[in-house]
């Protein structure tokens, strides 16, 4: 009986999900993107569309921005962002892996869309000066999880995502 749905189902809360990829080159530098509307550099990624699977959103944005097609099945960090100008959000950092020489060449030759002004490889020590504080903290926690070997598999109804 559809007319007796609880209010939470007829007027769901507004929320946002952002999905970023932490990608390292062979020297251990992180791949970061610059955007015209953001202060500082960020990990590649962006918001999920309605009913888009989270790892698909991360993969779509990463491919569009960097030219890389990565599986992104493991999550290194999850960050709750409180409501300010926009509704509250969850930001997920997916592990993109350490790139091969061929993948690094893909990034070097990629022409990003107009929403990305620059692609940079930076080492961890360079991040505080290059990223906004919240992006830096999120990235640092994701790097720490990676160093400890701590990650979460991305599950779809209890089954690892393909």
C-alpha atoms as a PDB file:
ATOM      1  CA  UNK A   1       0.000   0.000   0.000  1.00  0.00           C
ATOM      2  CA  UNK A   2       1.827   3.004  -1.281  1.00  0.00           C
ATOM      3  CA  UNK A   3      -0.426   5.578   0.369  1.00  0.00           C
ATOM      4  CA  UNK A   4       0.746   4.424   3.821  1.00  0.00           C
ATOM      5  CA  UNK A   5       4.475   4.906   3.346  1.00  0.00           C
ATOM      6  CA  UNK A   6       6.319   6.403   6.312  1.00  0.00           C
ATOM      7  CA  UNK A   7       7.276  10.088   5.870  1.00  0.00           C
ATOM      8  CA  UNK A   8      10.982   9.205   5.593  1.00  0.00           C
ATOM      9  CA  UNK A   9      10.226   7.385   2.325  1.00  0.00           C
ATOM     10  CA  UNK A  10       7.959  10.036   0.819  1.00  0.00           C
ATOM     11  CA  UNK A  11      10.242  12.958   1.712  1.00  0.00           C
ATOM     12  CA  UNK A  12      13.749  11.512   2.119  1.00  0.00           C
ATOM     13  CA  UNK A  13      16.422  13.699   3.687  1.00  0.00           C
ATOM     14  CA  UNK A  14      18.702  15.597   1.339  1.00  0.00           C
ATOM     15  CA  UNK A  15      22.246  14.332   1.300  1.00  0.00           C
ATOM     16  CA  UNK A  16      25.350  14.402  -0.813  1.00  0.00           C
ATOM     17  CA  UNK A  17      28.014  11.791  -1.488  1.00  0.00           C
ATOM     18  CA  UNK A  18      31.428  12.662  -2.848  1.00  0.00           C
ATOM     19  CA  UNK A  19      33.851  10.023  -4.092  1.00  0.00           C
ATOM     20  CA  UNK A  20      37.555  10.658  -4.495  1.00  0.00           C
ATOM     21  CA  UNK A  21      40.432   8.429  -5.586  1.00  0.00           C
ATOM     22  CA  UNK A  22      43.791   8.302  -3.844  1.00  0.00           C
ATOM     23  CA  UNK A  23      46.298   7.417  -6.577  1.00  0.00           C
ATOM     24  CA  UNK A  24      50.073   7.152  -6.181  1.00  0.00           C
ATOM     25  CA  UNK A  25      52.763   7.167  -8.839  1.00  0.00           C
ATOM     26  CA  UNK A  26      55.816   4.899  -8.725  1.00  0.00           C
ATOM     27  CA  UNK A  27      57.664   7.479  -6.581  1.00  0.00           C
ATOM     28  CA  UNK A  28      54.880   7.674  -3.997  1.00  0.00           C
ATOM     29  CA  UNK A  29      53.535  11.087  -5.064  1.00  0.00           C
ATOM     30  CA  UNK A  30      49.767  11.661  -5.008  1.00  0.00           C
ATOM     31  CA  UNK A  31      47.757  12.673  -8.034  1.00  0.00           C
ATOM     32  CA  UNK A  32      45.866  15.906  -7.344  1.00  0.00           C
ATOM     33  CA  UNK A  33      43.620  18.103  -9.451  1.00  0.00           C
ATOM     34  CA  UNK A  34      43.054  21.835  -9.481  1.00  0.00           C
ATOM     35  CA  UNK A  35      39.591  23.227 -10.127  1.00  0.00           C
ATOM     36  CA  UNK A  36      38.594  26.807 -10.928  1.00  0.00           C
ATOM     37  CA  UNK A  37      35.911  26.920  -8.206  1.00  0.00           C
ATOM     38  CA  UNK A  38      37.938  25.400  -5.335  1.00  0.00           C
ATOM     39  CA  UNK A  39      40.696  26.663  -3.111  1.00  0.00           C
ATOM     40  CA  UNK A  40      43.692  24.375  -3.249  1.00  0.00           C
ATOM     41  CA  UNK A  41      44.177  21.031  -4.917  1.00  0.00           C
ATOM     42  CA  UNK A  42      42.000  17.964  -4.296  1.00  0.00           C
ATOM     43  CA  UNK A  43      42.056  14.270  -5.000  1.00  0.00           C
ATOM     44  CA  UNK A  44      40.343  13.407  -8.292  1.00  0.00           C
ATOM     45  CA  UNK A  45      36.646  12.700  -7.879  1.00  0.00           C
ATOM     46  CA  UNK A  46      33.270  14.238  -7.388  1.00  0.00           C
ATOM     47  CA  UNK A  47      29.640  13.662  -6.477  1.00  0.00           C
ATOM     48  CA  UNK A  48      27.571  10.604  -7.251  1.00  0.00           C
ATOM     49  CA  UNK A  49      24.503  11.074  -9.384  1.00  0.00           C
ATOM     50  CA  UNK A  50      21.096   9.770  -8.298  1.00  0.00           C
ATOM     51  CA  UNK A  51      21.190   5.974  -8.011  1.00  0.00           C
ATOM     52  CA  UNK A  52      24.818   5.816  -9.197  1.00  0.00           C
ATOM     53  CA  UNK A  53      26.907   3.242  -7.360  1.00  0.00           C
ATOM     54  CA  UNK A  54      29.608   4.946  -5.269  1.00  0.00           C
ATOM     55  CA  UNK A  55      32.596   3.212  -6.865  1.00  0.00           C
ATOM     56  CA  UNK A  56      31.146   3.966 -10.302  1.00  0.00           C
ATOM     57  CA  UNK A  57      30.971   7.659  -9.386  1.00  0.00           C
ATOM     58  CA  UNK A  58      34.600   7.602  -8.243  1.00  0.00           C
ATOM     59  CA  UNK A  59      35.638   5.730 -11.401  1.00  0.00           C
ATOM     60  CA  UNK A  60      33.683   8.087 -13.702  1.00  0.00           C
ATOM     61  CA  UNK A  61      35.155  11.243 -12.202  1.00  0.00           C
ATOM     62  CA  UNK A  62      38.680   9.817 -12.047  1.00  0.00           C
ATOM     63  CA  UNK A  63      38.544   8.740 -15.694  1.00  0.00           C
ATOM     64  CA  UNK A  64      37.126  12.073 -16.866  1.00  0.00           C
ATOM     65  CA  UNK A  65      39.636  14.129 -14.907  1.00  0.00           C
ATOM     66  CA  UNK A  66      42.792  12.027 -15.326  1.00  0.00           C
ATOM     67  CA  UNK A  67      42.213   9.494 -18.116  1.00  0.00           C
ATOM     68  CA  UNK A  68      42.703   6.596 -15.682  1.00  0.00           C
ATOM     69  CA  UNK A  69      40.246   3.691 -15.455  1.00  0.00           C
ATOM     70  CA  UNK A  70      40.678   2.179 -11.985  1.00  0.00           C
ATOM     71  CA  UNK A  71      38.582  -0.399 -10.075  1.00  0.00           C
ATOM     72  CA  UNK A  72      38.313   1.596  -6.789  1.00  0.00           C
ATOM     73  CA  UNK A  73      36.850  -1.264  -4.708  1.00  0.00           C
ATOM     74  CA  UNK A  74      38.468  -0.362  -1.386  1.00  0.00           C
ATOM     75  CA  UNK A  75      37.699   2.607   0.842  1.00  0.00           C
ATOM     76  CA  UNK A  76      40.476   4.226   2.860  1.00  0.00           C
ATOM     77  CA  UNK A  77      38.499   6.974   4.596  1.00  0.00           C
ATOM     78  CA  UNK A  78      34.984   8.267   5.083  1.00  0.00           C
ATOM     79  CA  UNK A  79      34.397  11.873   6.118  1.00  0.00           C
ATOM     80  CA  UNK A  80      31.160  13.490   7.296  1.00  0.00           C
ATOM     81  CA  UNK A  81      30.814  17.101   6.157  1.00  0.00           C
ATOM     82  CA  UNK A  82      28.236  19.118   8.062  1.00  0.00           C
ATOM     83  CA  UNK A  83      25.650  21.311   6.367  1.00  0.00           C
ATOM     84  CA  UNK A  84      26.903  24.779   5.540  1.00  0.00           C
ATOM     85  CA  UNK A  85      26.096  26.316   2.172  1.00  0.00           C
ATOM     86  CA  UNK A  86      25.101  22.854   0.916  1.00  0.00           C
ATOM     87  CA  UNK A  87      23.333  19.930   2.653  1.00  0.00           C
ATOM     88  CA  UNK A  88      25.445  17.602   4.768  1.00  0.00           C
ATOM     89  CA  UNK A  89      27.630  15.156   2.886  1.00  0.00           C
ATOM     90  CA  UNK A  90      29.725  12.036   3.143  1.00  0.00           C
ATOM     91  CA  UNK A  91      33.060  12.030   1.346  1.00  0.00           C
ATOM     92  CA  UNK A  92      34.648   8.670   0.561  1.00  0.00           C
ATOM     93  CA  UNK A  93      38.291   8.184  -0.394  1.00  0.00           C
ATOM     94  CA  UNK A  94      38.733   5.107  -2.584  1.00  0.00           C
ATOM     95  CA  UNK A  95      42.119   3.426  -3.057  1.00  0.00           C
ATOM     96  CA  UNK A  96      43.153   3.810  -6.686  1.00  0.00           C
ATOM     97  CA  UNK A  97      46.481   2.028  -6.446  1.00  0.00           C
ATOM     98  CA  UNK A  98      50.077   2.677  -7.409  1.00  0.00           C
ATOM     99  CA  UNK A  99      50.321   3.363 -11.122  1.00  0.00           C
ATOM    100  CA  UNK A 100      52.402   1.630 -13.745  1.00  0.00           C
ATOM    101  CA  UNK A 101      54.620   3.515 -16.187  1.00  0.00           C
ATOM    102  CA  UNK A 102      51.900   3.195 -18.840  1.00  0.00           C
ATOM    103  CA  UNK A 103      49.232   4.608 -16.499  1.00  0.00           C
ATOM    104  CA  UNK A 104      51.481   7.534 -15.576  1.00  0.00           C
ATOM    105  CA  UNK A 105      51.895   8.257 -19.302  1.00  0.00           C
ATOM    106  CA  UNK A 106      48.090   8.212 -19.652  1.00  0.00           C
ATOM    107  CA  UNK A 107      47.833  10.975 -17.044  1.00  0.00           C
ATOM    108  CA  UNK A 108      50.646  12.967 -18.673  1.00  0.00           C
ATOM    109  CA  UNK A 109      48.897  12.937 -22.071  1.00  0.00           C
ATOM    110  CA  UNK A 110      45.324  13.357 -20.826  1.00  0.00           C
ATOM    111  CA  UNK A 111      43.397  16.508 -21.686  1.00  0.00           C
ATOM    112  CA  UNK A 112      41.117  17.130 -18.706  1.00  0.00           C
ATOM    113  CA  UNK A 113      37.754  18.870 -19.060  1.00  0.00           C
ATOM    114  CA  UNK A 114      37.385  22.603 -18.427  1.00  0.00           C
ATOM    115  CA  UNK A 115      36.336  21.815 -14.831  1.00  0.00           C
ATOM    116  CA  UNK A 116      39.938  20.756 -14.115  1.00  0.00           C
ATOM    117  CA  UNK A 117      42.582  23.444 -14.483  1.00  0.00           C
ATOM    118  CA  UNK A 118      45.636  21.355 -13.628  1.00  0.00           C
ATOM    119  CA  UNK A 119      46.934  17.902 -12.692  1.00  0.00           C
ATOM    120  CA  UNK A 120      49.792  17.660 -10.178  1.00  0.00           C
ATOM    121  CA  UNK A 121      51.900  14.955  -8.556  1.00  0.00           C
ATOM    122  CA  UNK A 122      52.812  15.971  -5.006  1.00  0.00           C
ATOM    123  CA  UNK A 123      54.519  14.176  -2.150  1.00  0.00           C
ATOM    124  CA  UNK A 124      52.954  14.033   1.293  1.00  0.00           C
ATOM    125  CA  UNK A 125      55.237  16.750   2.664  1.00  0.00           C
ATOM    126  CA  UNK A 126      53.933  19.175   0.023  1.00  0.00           C
ATOM    127  CA  UNK A 127      50.238  18.631   0.766  1.00  0.00           C
ATOM    128  CA  UNK A 128      49.696  21.094   3.652  1.00  0.00           C
ATOM    129  CA  UNK A 129      50.571  24.067   1.446  1.00  0.00           C
ATOM    130  CA  UNK A 130      48.684  22.791  -1.604  1.00  0.00           C
ATOM    131  CA  UNK A 131      45.333  21.626  -0.197  1.00  0.00           C
ATOM    132  CA  UNK A 132      42.487  23.192   1.760  1.00  0.00           C
ATOM    133  CA  UNK A 133      42.650  22.100   5.427  1.00  0.00           C
ATOM    134  CA  UNK A 134      39.672  19.696   5.278  1.00  0.00           C
ATOM    135  CA  UNK A 135      40.966  18.081   2.065  1.00  0.00           C
ATOM    136  CA  UNK A 136      44.431  17.773   3.590  1.00  0.00           C
ATOM    137  CA  UNK A 137      43.133  16.131   6.777  1.00  0.00           C
ATOM    138  CA  UNK A 138      40.957  13.676   4.814  1.00  0.00           C
ATOM    139  CA  UNK A 139      43.861  12.776   2.523  1.00  0.00           C
ATOM    140  CA  UNK A 140      46.258  12.356   5.455  1.00  0.00           C
ATOM    141  CA  UNK A 141      43.881   9.952   7.201  1.00  0.00           C
ATOM    142  CA  UNK A 142      43.481   7.978   3.967  1.00  0.00           C
ATOM    143  CA  UNK A 143      47.281   7.782   3.570  1.00  0.00           C
ATOM    144  CA  UNK A 144      47.634   6.657   7.192  1.00  0.00           C
ATOM    145  CA  UNK A 145      45.043   3.906   6.620  1.00  0.00           C
ATOM    146  CA  UNK A 146      46.923   2.808   3.509  1.00  0.00           C
ATOM    147  CA  UNK A 147      50.223   2.691   5.426  1.00  0.00           C
ATOM    148  CA  UNK A 148      48.632   0.538   8.155  1.00  0.00           C
ATOM    149  CA  UNK A 149      47.057  -1.745   5.563  1.00  0.00           C
ATOM    150  CA  UNK A 150      43.637  -0.721   6.848  1.00  0.00           C
ATOM    151  CA  UNK A 151      40.901  -0.419   4.284  1.00  0.00           C
ATOM    152  CA  UNK A 152      37.271  -1.325   3.926  1.00  0.00           C
ATOM    153  CA  UNK A 153      35.942  -3.290   0.999  1.00  0.00           C
ATOM    154  CA  UNK A 154      33.125  -1.576  -0.848  1.00  0.00           C
ATOM    155  CA  UNK A 155      30.065  -3.803  -0.523  1.00  0.00           C
ATOM    156  CA  UNK A 156      26.820  -3.911  -2.457  1.00  0.00           C
ATOM    157  CA  UNK A 157      24.156  -5.510  -0.247  1.00  0.00           C
ATOM    158  CA  UNK A 158      26.870  -7.412   1.606  1.00  0.00           C
ATOM    159  CA  UNK A 159      28.810  -8.624  -1.454  1.00  0.00           C
ATOM    160  CA  UNK A 160      32.129  -7.133  -2.595  1.00  0.00           C
ATOM    161  CA  UNK A 161      31.646  -4.803  -5.565  1.00  0.00           C
ATOM    162  CA  UNK A 162      32.931  -5.868  -8.964  1.00  0.00           C
END
